[in-house]
Amino acid sequence: MAEAMEKVYGPIVKRDVLIADVVLHDVDKLVMYERKENRVDGTELGKAIPHGNYGALVAFRVGIPREIVSTVLNHSVFSSKVDPTTLEGVLLRYSDHAAFQGDRILSGLPPLHGI
């Protein structure tokens, strides 16, 4: 997606920010979800706060730049009503959503609606 945008608009994507967004956006899944038998369920923390919030808090506390913390917080179309504030965050949000919905379809599940 970044390459396609740059073909149209020129070198506008901050690749270092995009890479950081990609690496960090799901960092909280390690503590928000757990495998139980053949399914994945939310942990107590995962049931208490929306995905992205804890990861953003940890990122903020360790000094990650605000624009990346914002993307970690707002990357999920399911758990955040706030859109990302950077081009890199927008690219991450919609590619992450496409991967999620594509995985559901390829697994024989319907895409989730009502977002």
C-alpha atoms as a PDB file:
ATOM      1  CA  MET A   1       0.000   0.000   0.000  1.00  0.00           C
ATOM      2  CA  ALA A   2       2.840   2.386   0.844  1.00  0.00           C
ATOM      3  CA  GLU A   3       4.525   1.728  -2.493  1.00  0.00           C
ATOM      4  CA  ALA A   4       1.273   2.283  -4.386  1.00  0.00           C
ATOM      5  CA  MET A   5       0.684   5.604  -2.612  1.00  0.00           C
ATOM      6  CA  GLU A   6       4.210   6.719  -3.362  1.00  0.00           C
ATOM      7  CA  LYS A   7       3.815   5.888  -7.048  1.00  0.00           C
ATOM      8  CA  VAL A   8       0.901   8.316  -7.141  1.00  0.00           C
ATOM      9  CA  TYR A   9       1.970  10.980  -4.626  1.00  0.00           C
ATOM     10  CA  GLY A  10       5.754  10.679  -4.383  1.00  0.00           C
ATOM     11  CA  PRO A  11       7.868   9.815  -1.312  1.00  0.00           C
ATOM     12  CA  ILE A  12       5.344  10.647   1.412  1.00  0.00           C
ATOM     13  CA  VAL A  13       5.403   7.572   3.672  1.00  0.00           C
ATOM     14  CA  LYS A  14       7.732   7.634   6.673  1.00  0.00           C
ATOM     15  CA  ARG A  15       9.016   4.068   6.379  1.00  0.00           C
ATOM     16  CA  ASP A  16      10.608   4.047   9.849  1.00  0.00           C
ATOM     17  CA  VAL A  17       7.278   5.068  11.415  1.00  0.00           C
ATOM     18  CA  LEU A  18       5.357   2.537   9.338  1.00  0.00           C
ATOM     19  CA  ILE A  19       7.724  -0.267  10.377  1.00  0.00           C
ATOM     20  CA  ALA A  20       7.382   0.715  14.057  1.00  0.00           C
ATOM     21  CA  ASP A  21       3.575   0.773  13.680  1.00  0.00           C
ATOM     22  CA  VAL A  22       3.604  -2.683  12.098  1.00  0.00           C
ATOM     23  CA  VAL A  23       5.869  -4.145  14.785  1.00  0.00           C
ATOM     24  CA  LEU A  24       4.080  -2.601  17.784  1.00  0.00           C
ATOM     25  CA  HIS A  25       0.382  -2.404  16.894  1.00  0.00           C
ATOM     26  CA  ASP A  26      -0.540  -5.826  18.362  1.00  0.00           C
ATOM     27  CA  VAL A  27       1.985  -5.882  21.217  1.00  0.00           C
ATOM     28  CA  ASP A  28      -0.778  -6.167  23.833  1.00  0.00           C
ATOM     29  CA  LYS A  29      -2.201  -9.359  22.347  1.00  0.00           C
ATOM     30  CA  LEU A  30       0.412 -11.253  24.361  1.00  0.00           C
ATOM     31  CA  VAL A  31      -1.439 -10.348  27.574  1.00  0.00           C
ATOM     32  CA  MET A  32      -4.949  -9.686  26.256  1.00  0.00           C
ATOM     33  CA  TYR A  33      -5.659 -13.122  24.780  1.00  0.00           C
ATOM     34  CA  GLU A  34      -4.937 -16.743  25.645  1.00  0.00           C
ATOM     35  CA  ARG A  35      -5.482 -20.081  23.956  1.00  0.00           C
ATOM     36  CA  LYS A  36      -8.054 -22.325  25.624  1.00  0.00           C
ATOM     37  CA  GLU A  37      -8.306 -25.734  23.985  1.00  0.00           C
ATOM     38  CA  ASN A  38      -9.114 -25.044  20.307  1.00  0.00           C
ATOM     39  CA  ARG A  39     -10.048 -21.389  20.655  1.00  0.00           C
ATOM     40  CA  VAL A  40      -8.635 -18.059  21.707  1.00  0.00           C
ATOM     41  CA  ASP A  41     -10.313 -16.159  24.522  1.00  0.00           C
ATOM     42  CA  GLY A  42      -9.695 -12.883  26.268  1.00  0.00           C
ATOM     43  CA  THR A  43      -7.712 -12.833  29.494  1.00  0.00           C
ATOM     44  CA  GLU A  44      -9.081 -10.887  32.468  1.00  0.00           C
ATOM     45  CA  LEU A  45      -7.152  -7.852  31.192  1.00  0.00           C
ATOM     46  CA  GLY A  46      -8.433  -8.434  27.663  1.00  0.00           C
ATOM     47  CA  LYS A  47     -12.011  -8.528  28.896  1.00  0.00           C
ATOM     48  CA  ALA A  48     -11.530  -5.339  30.911  1.00  0.00           C
ATOM     49  CA  ILE A  49     -10.037  -2.944  28.336  1.00  0.00           C
ATOM     50  CA  PRO A  50     -10.166  -2.606  24.538  1.00  0.00           C
ATOM     51  CA  HIS A  51      -7.389  -3.997  22.351  1.00  0.00           C
ATOM     52  CA  GLY A  52      -4.759  -1.356  21.695  1.00  0.00           C
ATOM     53  CA  ASN A  53      -5.170   0.515  24.979  1.00  0.00           C
ATOM     54  CA  TYR A  54      -2.698  -1.493  27.043  1.00  0.00           C
ATOM     55  CA  GLY A  55      -0.179  -1.640  24.202  1.00  0.00           C
ATOM     56  CA  ALA A  56      -0.375   2.135  23.795  1.00  0.00           C
ATOM     57  CA  LEU A  57       0.115   2.641  27.531  1.00  0.00           C
ATOM     58  CA  VAL A  58       3.216   0.447  27.575  1.00  0.00           C
ATOM     59  CA  ALA A  59       4.569   2.130  24.430  1.00  0.00           C
ATOM     60  CA  PHE A  60       4.016   5.558  25.977  1.00  0.00           C
ATOM     61  CA  ARG A  61       5.689   4.548  29.243  1.00  0.00           C
ATOM     62  CA  VAL A  62       8.851   3.355  27.493  1.00  0.00           C
ATOM     63  CA  GLY A  63       9.149   6.545  25.435  1.00  0.00           C
ATOM     64  CA  ILE A  64       7.830   5.515  22.012  1.00  0.00           C
ATOM     65  CA  PRO A  65       7.006   8.642  19.952  1.00  0.00           C
ATOM     66  CA  ARG A  66       3.439   9.952  20.248  1.00  0.00           C
ATOM     67  CA  GLU A  67       2.555   9.344  16.584  1.00  0.00           C
ATOM     68  CA  ILE A  68       3.340   5.629  17.006  1.00  0.00           C
ATOM     69  CA  VAL A  69       1.584   5.400  20.401  1.00  0.00           C
ATOM     70  CA  SER A  70      -1.483   6.926  18.728  1.00  0.00           C
ATOM     71  CA  THR A  71      -1.444   4.279  15.995  1.00  0.00           C
ATOM     72  CA  VAL A  72      -1.087   1.454  18.538  1.00  0.00           C
ATOM     73  CA  LEU A  73      -4.108   2.895  20.363  1.00  0.00           C
ATOM     74  CA  ASN A  74      -6.262   3.569  17.294  1.00  0.00           C
ATOM     75  CA  HIS A  75      -5.299   0.849  14.802  1.00  0.00           C
ATOM     76  CA  SER A  76      -8.284  -1.432  15.357  1.00  0.00           C
ATOM     77  CA  VAL A  77     -11.510  -0.667  13.519  1.00  0.00           C
ATOM     78  CA  PHE A  78     -13.275  -2.839  16.109  1.00  0.00           C
ATOM     79  CA  SER A  79     -11.987  -1.352  19.371  1.00  0.00           C
ATOM     80  CA  SER A  80     -11.323   2.300  18.510  1.00  0.00           C
ATOM     81  CA  LYS A  81     -13.765   4.919  17.325  1.00  0.00           C
ATOM     82  CA  VAL A  82     -10.868   7.317  16.681  1.00  0.00           C
ATOM     83  CA  ASP A  83      -9.075   7.192  13.353  1.00  0.00           C
ATOM     84  CA  PRO A  84      -5.271   7.118  13.192  1.00  0.00           C
ATOM     85  CA  THR A  85      -3.716  10.578  12.901  1.00  0.00           C
ATOM     86  CA  THR A  86      -0.889   9.771  10.470  1.00  0.00           C
ATOM     87  CA  LEU A  87      -0.708   8.411   6.948  1.00  0.00           C
ATOM     88  CA  GLU A  88       1.334   5.488   8.283  1.00  0.00           C
ATOM     89  CA  GLY A  89      -1.354   4.777  10.889  1.00  0.00           C
ATOM     90  CA  VAL A  90      -4.068   4.779   8.227  1.00  0.00           C
ATOM     91  CA  LEU A  91      -2.062   2.357   6.071  1.00  0.00           C
ATOM     92  CA  LEU A  92      -1.533   0.068   9.067  1.00  0.00           C
ATOM     93  CA  ARG A  93      -5.179   0.202  10.188  1.00  0.00           C
ATOM     94  CA  TYR A  94      -6.661  -0.806   6.864  1.00  0.00           C
ATOM     95  CA  SER A  95      -4.046  -3.390   5.918  1.00  0.00           C
ATOM     96  CA  ASP A  96      -4.488  -4.967   9.383  1.00  0.00           C
ATOM     97  CA  HIS A  97      -8.262  -5.003   8.899  1.00  0.00           C
ATOM     98  CA  ALA A  98      -7.922  -6.511   5.413  1.00  0.00           C
ATOM     99  CA  ALA A  99      -5.654  -9.249   6.784  1.00  0.00           C
ATOM    100  CA  PHE A 100      -8.109  -9.983   9.613  1.00  0.00           C
ATOM    101  CA  GLN A 101     -11.153 -10.173   7.326  1.00  0.00           C
ATOM    102  CA  GLY A 102      -9.207 -12.127   4.692  1.00  0.00           C
ATOM    103  CA  ASP A 103      -8.170 -14.685   7.312  1.00  0.00           C
ATOM    104  CA  ARG A 104     -11.810 -15.122   8.362  1.00  0.00           C
ATOM    105  CA  ILE A 105     -12.915 -15.684   4.769  1.00  0.00           C
ATOM    106  CA  LEU A 106     -10.077 -18.120   4.036  1.00  0.00           C
ATOM    107  CA  SER A 107     -10.973 -20.001   7.243  1.00  0.00           C
ATOM    108  CA  GLY A 108     -14.558 -20.443   6.063  1.00  0.00           C
ATOM    109  CA  LEU A 109     -15.974 -17.769   8.381  1.00  0.00           C
ATOM    110  CA  PRO A 110     -17.972 -14.761   7.240  1.00  0.00           C
ATOM    111  CA  PRO A 111     -16.388 -11.329   7.498  1.00  0.00           C
ATOM    112  CA  LEU A 112     -17.462  -9.327  10.543  1.00  0.00           C
ATOM    113  CA  HIS A 113     -19.855  -6.480   9.781  1.00  0.00           C
ATOM    114  CA  GLY A 114     -21.355  -3.565  11.625  1.00  0.00           C
ATOM    115  CA  ILE A 115     -18.127  -1.700  12.139  1.00  0.00           C
END
